[in-house]
C-alpha cells in the first residue's frame, strides 16, 4: 500500500472516531440507500448536475 493511501486510511478512521455520530450516520445513510435507491440516485444526480452547471468562480477556468 502506498504511503498516501495509508495516511488517507488513518485520517478517515480518525475522522470516524473523533466526529460524534459520523459512523452511525454513515451506517444509517448506507441502510437508507439500500432501501430507497431511486431517491439516493436522484439526489446524487442532482448534486453532480449542480456541480457541473454551476458557474466557475472568477479567475478559475473549467
PDB file of N, CA and C in Angstrom:
ATOM      1  N   UNK A   1       0.852  -1.179   0.000  1.00  0.00           N
ATOM      2  CA  UNK A   1       0.000   0.000   0.000  1.00  0.00           C
ATOM      3  C   UNK A   1       0.899   1.244   0.000  1.00  0.00           C
ATOM      4  N   UNK A   2       0.523   2.219  -0.790  1.00  0.00           N
ATOM      5  CA  UNK A   2       1.309   3.452  -0.885  1.00  0.00           C
ATOM      6  C   UNK A   2       1.181   4.266   0.401  1.00  0.00           C
ATOM      7  N   UNK A   3       2.189   5.080   0.715  1.00  0.00           N
ATOM      8  CA  UNK A   3       2.121   5.897   1.929  1.00  0.00           C
ATOM      9  C   UNK A   3       0.924   6.843   1.949  1.00  0.00           C
ATOM     10  N   UNK A   4       0.566   7.400   0.798  1.00  0.00           N
ATOM     11  CA  UNK A   4      -0.585   8.311   0.757  1.00  0.00           C
ATOM     12  C   UNK A   4      -1.875   7.567   1.080  1.00  0.00           C
ATOM     13  N   UNK A   5      -1.974   6.321   0.636  1.00  0.00           N
ATOM     14  CA  UNK A   5      -3.165   5.524   0.941  1.00  0.00           C
ATOM     15  C   UNK A   5      -3.229   5.206   2.429  1.00  0.00           C
ATOM     16  N   UNK A   6      -2.082   4.936   3.036  1.00  0.00           N
ATOM     17  CA  UNK A   6      -2.052   4.668   4.480  1.00  0.00           C
ATOM     18  C   UNK A   6      -2.483   5.902   5.264  1.00  0.00           C
ATOM     19  N   UNK A   7      -2.004   7.055   4.840  1.00  0.00           N
ATOM     20  CA  UNK A   7      -2.377   8.304   5.515  1.00  0.00           C
ATOM     21  C   UNK A   7      -3.866   8.569   5.351  1.00  0.00           C
ATOM     22  N   UNK A   8      -4.396   8.356   4.159  1.00  0.00           N
ATOM     23  CA  UNK A   8      -5.824   8.573   3.922  1.00  0.00           C
ATOM     24  C   UNK A   8      -6.666   7.621   4.757  1.00  0.00           C
ATOM     25  N   UNK A   9      -6.243   6.373   4.856  1.00  0.00           N
ATOM     26  CA  UNK A   9      -6.968   5.394   5.665  1.00  0.00           C
ATOM     27  C   UNK A   9      -6.923   5.779   7.137  1.00  0.00           C
ATOM     28  N   UNK A  10      -5.760   6.207   7.611  1.00  0.00           N
ATOM     29  CA  UNK A  10      -5.633   6.630   9.004  1.00  0.00           C
ATOM     30  C   UNK A  10      -6.510   7.842   9.296  1.00  0.00           C
ATOM     31  N   UNK A  11      -6.488   8.830   8.405  1.00  0.00           N
ATOM     32  CA  UNK A  11      -7.279  10.042   8.635  1.00  0.00           C
ATOM     33  C   UNK A  11      -8.774   9.766   8.581  1.00  0.00           C
ATOM     34  N   UNK A  12      -9.200   8.879   7.684  1.00  0.00           N
ATOM     35  CA  UNK A  12     -10.629   8.557   7.638  1.00  0.00           C
ATOM     36  C   UNK A  12     -11.052   7.799   8.887  1.00  0.00           C
ATOM     37  N   UNK A  13     -10.206   6.913   9.387  1.00  0.00           N
ATOM     38  CA  UNK A  13     -10.506   6.226  10.647  1.00  0.00           C
ATOM     39  C   UNK A  13     -10.540   7.194  11.810  1.00  0.00           C
ATOM     40  N   UNK A  14      -9.616   8.133  11.826  1.00  0.00           N
ATOM     41  CA  UNK A  14      -9.597   9.145  12.883  1.00  0.00           C
ATOM     42  C   UNK A  14     -10.842  10.013  12.829  1.00  0.00           C
ATOM     43  N   UNK A  15     -11.281  10.343  11.636  1.00  0.00           N
ATOM     44  CA  UNK A  15     -12.496  11.139  11.469  1.00  0.00           C
ATOM     45  C   UNK A  15     -13.708  10.397  12.016  1.00  0.00           C
ATOM     46  N   UNK A  16     -13.788   9.092  11.750  1.00  0.00           N
ATOM     47  CA  UNK A  16     -14.912   8.298  12.255  1.00  0.00           C
ATOM     48  C   UNK A  16     -14.916   8.242  13.778  1.00  0.00           C
ATOM     49  N   UNK A  17     -13.730   8.233  14.378  1.00  0.00           N
ATOM     50  CA  UNK A  17     -13.642   8.150  15.840  1.00  0.00           C
ATOM     51  C   UNK A  17     -13.914   9.501  16.489  1.00  0.00           C
ATOM     52  N   UNK A  18     -13.405  10.571  15.906  1.00  0.00           N
ATOM     53  CA  UNK A  18     -13.465  11.876  16.562  1.00  0.00           C
ATOM     54  C   UNK A  18     -14.777  12.623  16.363  1.00  0.00           C
ATOM     55  N   UNK A  19     -15.442  12.409  15.243  1.00  0.00           N
ATOM     56  CA  UNK A  19     -16.680  13.138  14.976  1.00  0.00           C
ATOM     57  C   UNK A  19     -17.844  12.327  15.530  1.00  0.00           C
ATOM     58  N   UNK A  20     -18.507  12.857  16.566  1.00  0.00           N
ATOM     59  CA  UNK A  20     -19.595  12.087  17.173  1.00  0.00           C
ATOM     60  C   UNK A  20     -20.758  11.905  16.207  1.00  0.00           C
ATOM     61  N   UNK A  21     -21.226  10.691  16.103  1.00  0.00           N
ATOM     62  CA  UNK A  21     -22.376  10.398  15.268  1.00  0.00           C
ATOM     63  C   UNK A  21     -22.062  10.156  13.809  1.00  0.00           C
ATOM     64  N   UNK A  22     -20.817  10.340  13.390  1.00  0.00           N
ATOM     65  CA  UNK A  22     -20.499  10.178  11.969  1.00  0.00           C
ATOM     66  C   UNK A  22     -20.630   8.722  11.534  1.00  0.00           C
ATOM     67  N   UNK A  23     -20.096   7.812  12.341  1.00  0.00           N
ATOM     68  CA  UNK A  23     -20.164   6.393  11.972  1.00  0.00           C
ATOM     69  C   UNK A  23     -21.608   5.914  11.906  1.00  0.00           C
ATOM     70  N   UNK A  24     -22.400   6.266  12.915  1.00  0.00           N
ATOM     71  CA  UNK A  24     -23.801   5.829  12.902  1.00  0.00           C
ATOM     72  C   UNK A  24     -24.573   6.517  11.777  1.00  0.00           C
ATOM     73  N   UNK A  25     -24.220   7.756  11.481  1.00  0.00           N
ATOM     74  CA  UNK A  25     -24.860   8.455  10.369  1.00  0.00           C
ATOM     75  C   UNK A  25     -24.534   7.815   9.034  1.00  0.00           C
ATOM     76  N   UNK A  26     -23.284   7.401   8.858  1.00  0.00           N
ATOM     77  CA  UNK A  26     -22.897   6.727   7.618  1.00  0.00           C
ATOM     78  C   UNK A  26     -23.595   5.378   7.480  1.00  0.00           C
ATOM     79  N   UNK A  27     -23.712   4.661   8.595  1.00  0.00           N
ATOM     80  CA  UNK A  27     -24.427   3.381   8.557  1.00  0.00           C
ATOM     81  C   UNK A  27     -25.897   3.582   8.219  1.00  0.00           C
ATOM     82  N   UNK A  28     -26.502   4.603   8.808  1.00  0.00           N
ATOM     83  CA  UNK A  28     -27.912   4.886   8.520  1.00  0.00           C
ATOM     84  C   UNK A  28     -28.091   5.297   7.060  1.00  0.00           C
ATOM     85  N   UNK A  29     -27.161   6.093   6.540  1.00  0.00           N
ATOM     86  CA  UNK A  29     -27.242   6.505   5.135  1.00  0.00           C
ATOM     87  C   UNK A  29     -27.076   5.310   4.203  1.00  0.00           C
ATOM     88  N   UNK A  30     -26.165   4.406   4.550  1.00  0.00           N
ATOM     89  CA  UNK A  30     -25.970   3.209   3.726  1.00  0.00           C
ATOM     90  C   UNK A  30     -27.216   2.331   3.746  1.00  0.00           C
ATOM     91  N   UNK A  31     -27.812   2.175   4.924  1.00  0.00           N
ATOM     92  CA  UNK A  31     -29.032   1.374   5.044  1.00  0.00           C
ATOM     93  C   UNK A  31     -30.168   2.016   4.253  1.00  0.00           C
ATOM     94  N   UNK A  32     -30.294   3.330   4.351  1.00  0.00           N
ATOM     95  CA  UNK A  32     -31.360   4.037   3.644  1.00  0.00           C
ATOM     96  C   UNK A  32     -31.161   3.952   2.138  1.00  0.00           C
ATOM     97  N   UNK A  33     -29.893   4.003   1.689  1.00  0.00           N
ATOM     98  CA  UNK A  33     -29.633   3.941   0.252  1.00  0.00           C
ATOM     99  C   UNK A  33     -29.995   2.575  -0.319  1.00  0.00           C
ATOM    100  N   UNK A  34     -29.910   1.534   0.508  1.00  0.00           N
ATOM    101  CA  UNK A  34     -30.318   0.203   0.053  1.00  0.00           C
ATOM    102  C   UNK A  34     -31.834   0.139  -0.062  1.00  0.00           C
ATOM    103  N   UNK A  35     -32.526   0.796   0.868  1.00  0.00           N
ATOM    104  CA  UNK A  35     -33.985   0.744   0.882  1.00  0.00           C
ATOM    105  C   UNK A  35     -34.608   1.685  -0.148  1.00  0.00           C
ATOM    106  N   UNK A  36     -33.968   2.812  -0.417  1.00  0.00           N
ATOM    107  CA  UNK A  36     -34.518   3.818  -1.335  1.00  0.00           C
ATOM    108  C   UNK A  36     -33.492   4.199  -2.406  1.00  0.00           C
ATOM    109  N   UNK A  37     -33.123   3.274  -3.288  1.00  0.00           N
ATOM    110  CA  UNK A  37     -32.072   3.592  -4.267  1.00  0.00           C
ATOM    111  C   UNK A  37     -32.472   4.673  -5.265  1.00  0.00           C
ATOM    112  N   UNK A  38     -33.755   4.774  -5.593  1.00  0.00           N
ATOM    113  CA  UNK A  38     -34.188   5.791  -6.555  1.00  0.00           C
ATOM    114  C   UNK A  38     -34.012   7.197  -5.985  1.00  0.00           C
ATOM    115  N   UNK A  39     -34.353   7.367  -4.716  1.00  0.00           N
ATOM    116  CA  UNK A  39     -34.211   8.678  -4.075  1.00  0.00           C
ATOM    117  C   UNK A  39     -32.738   9.056  -3.970  1.00  0.00           C
ATOM    118  N   UNK A  40     -31.906   8.099  -3.572  1.00  0.00           N
ATOM    119  CA  UNK A  40     -30.474   8.373  -3.434  1.00  0.00           C
ATOM    120  C   UNK A  40     -29.852   8.656  -4.798  1.00  0.00           C
ATOM    121  N   UNK A  41     -30.225   7.886  -5.801  1.00  0.00           N
ATOM    122  CA  UNK A  41     -29.709   8.123  -7.150  1.00  0.00           C
ATOM    123  C   UNK A  41     -30.105   9.478  -7.689  1.00  0.00           C
ATOM    124  N   UNK A  42     -31.343   9.874  -7.436  1.00  0.00           N
ATOM    125  CA  UNK A  42     -31.807  11.192  -7.874  1.00  0.00           C
ATOM    126  C   UNK A  42     -31.042  12.300  -7.159  1.00  0.00           C
ATOM    127  N   UNK A  43     -30.807  12.116  -5.867  1.00  0.00           N
ATOM    128  CA  UNK A  43     -30.043  13.109  -5.107  1.00  0.00           C
ATOM    129  C   UNK A  43     -28.616  13.236  -5.605  1.00  0.00           C
ATOM    130  N   UNK A  44     -27.980  12.095  -5.894  1.00  0.00           N
ATOM    131  CA  UNK A  44     -26.620  12.133  -6.423  1.00  0.00           C
ATOM    132  C   UNK A  44     -26.575  12.781  -7.801  1.00  0.00           C
ATOM    133  N   UNK A  45     -27.551  12.464  -8.627  1.00  0.00           N
ATOM    134  CA  UNK A  45     -27.618  13.068  -9.955  1.00  0.00           C
ATOM    135  C   UNK A  45     -27.802  14.579  -9.864  1.00  0.00           C
ATOM    136  N   UNK A  46     -28.649  15.021  -8.941  1.00  0.00           N
ATOM    137  CA  UNK A  46     -28.858  16.460  -8.751  1.00  0.00           C
ATOM    138  C   UNK A  46     -27.591  17.136  -8.249  1.00  0.00           C
ATOM    139  N   UNK A  47     -26.859  16.473  -7.349  1.00  0.00           N
ATOM    140  CA  UNK A  47     -25.621  17.056  -6.826  1.00  0.00           C
ATOM    141  C   UNK A  47     -24.570  17.187  -7.923  1.00  0.00           C
ATOM    142  N   UNK A  48     -24.435  16.162  -8.744  1.00  0.00           N
ATOM    143  CA  UNK A  48     -23.456  16.214  -9.836  1.00  0.00           C
ATOM    144  C   UNK A  48     -23.854  17.274 -10.858  1.00  0.00           C
ATOM    145  N   UNK A  49     -25.140  17.343 -11.179  1.00  0.00           N
ATOM    146  CA  UNK A  49     -25.602  18.353 -12.135  1.00  0.00           C
ATOM    147  C   UNK A  49     -25.354  19.758 -11.603  1.00  0.00           C
ATOM    148  N   UNK A  50     -25.561  19.933 -10.324  1.00  0.00           N
ATOM    149  CA  UNK A  50     -25.327  21.249  -9.723  1.00  0.00           C
ATOM    150  C   UNK A  50     -23.852  21.629  -9.798  1.00  0.00           C
ATOM    151  N   UNK A  51     -22.968  20.647  -9.573  1.00  0.00           N
ATOM    152  CA  UNK A  51     -21.534  20.921  -9.669  1.00  0.00           C
ATOM    153  C   UNK A  51     -21.121  21.242 -11.103  1.00  0.00           C
ATOM    154  N   UNK A  52     -21.688  20.522 -12.049  1.00  0.00           N
ATOM    155  CA  UNK A  52     -21.306  20.715 -13.451  1.00  0.00           C
ATOM    156  C   UNK A  52     -21.873  22.018 -14.005  1.00  0.00           C
ATOM    157  N   UNK A  53     -23.103  22.334 -13.643  1.00  0.00           N
ATOM    158  CA  UNK A  53     -23.771  23.501 -14.221  1.00  0.00           C
ATOM    159  C   UNK A  53     -23.470  24.811 -13.495  1.00  0.00           C
ATOM    160  N   UNK A  54     -22.921  24.734 -12.292  1.00  0.00           N
ATOM    161  CA  UNK A  54     -22.627  25.956 -11.541  1.00  0.00           C
ATOM    162  C   UNK A  54     -21.519  26.735 -12.247  1.00  0.00           C
ATOM    163  N   UNK A  55     -21.647  28.046 -12.273  1.00  0.00           N
ATOM    164  CA  UNK A  55     -20.583  28.833 -12.906  1.00  0.00           C
ATOM    165  C   UNK A  55     -19.291  28.747 -12.093  1.00  0.00           C
ATOM    166  N   UNK A  56     -18.181  28.738 -12.803  1.00  0.00           N
ATOM    167  CA  UNK A  56     -16.885  28.684 -12.136  1.00  0.00           C
ATOM    168  C   UNK A  56     -16.614  30.018 -11.440  1.00  0.00           C
ATOM    169  N   UNK A  57     -15.945  29.983 -10.291  1.00  0.00           N
ATOM    170  CA  UNK A  57     -15.584  31.241  -9.625  1.00  0.00           C
ATOM    171  C   UNK A  57     -14.691  32.095 -10.520  1.00  0.00           C
ATOM    172  N   UNK A  58     -14.696  33.387 -10.263  1.00  0.00           N
ATOM    173  CA  UNK A  58     -13.890  34.298 -11.079  1.00  0.00           C
ATOM    174  C   UNK A  58     -12.420  33.914 -11.040  1.00  0.00           C
ATOM    175  N   UNK A  59     -11.818  33.869 -12.204  1.00  0.00           N
ATOM    176  CA  UNK A  59     -10.403  33.540 -12.281  1.00  0.00           C
ATOM    177  C   UNK A  59     -10.131  32.054 -12.446  1.00  0.00           C
ATOM    178  N   UNK A  60     -11.157  31.226 -12.324  1.00  0.00           N
ATOM    179  CA  UNK A  60     -10.979  29.783 -12.477  1.00  0.00           C
ATOM    180  C   UNK A  60     -11.443  29.388 -13.868  1.00  0.00           C
ATOM    181  N   UNK A  61     -10.690  28.543 -14.507  1.00  0.00           N
ATOM    182  CA  UNK A  61     -11.090  28.045 -15.824  1.00  0.00           C
ATOM    183  C   UNK A  61     -11.583  26.616 -15.682  1.00  0.00           C
ATOM    184  N   UNK A  62     -12.544  26.262 -16.494  1.00  0.00           N
ATOM    185  CA  UNK A  62     -13.040  24.881 -16.484  1.00  0.00           C
ATOM    186  C   UNK A  62     -12.570  24.158 -17.688  1.00  0.00           C
TER     187      UNK A  62
END
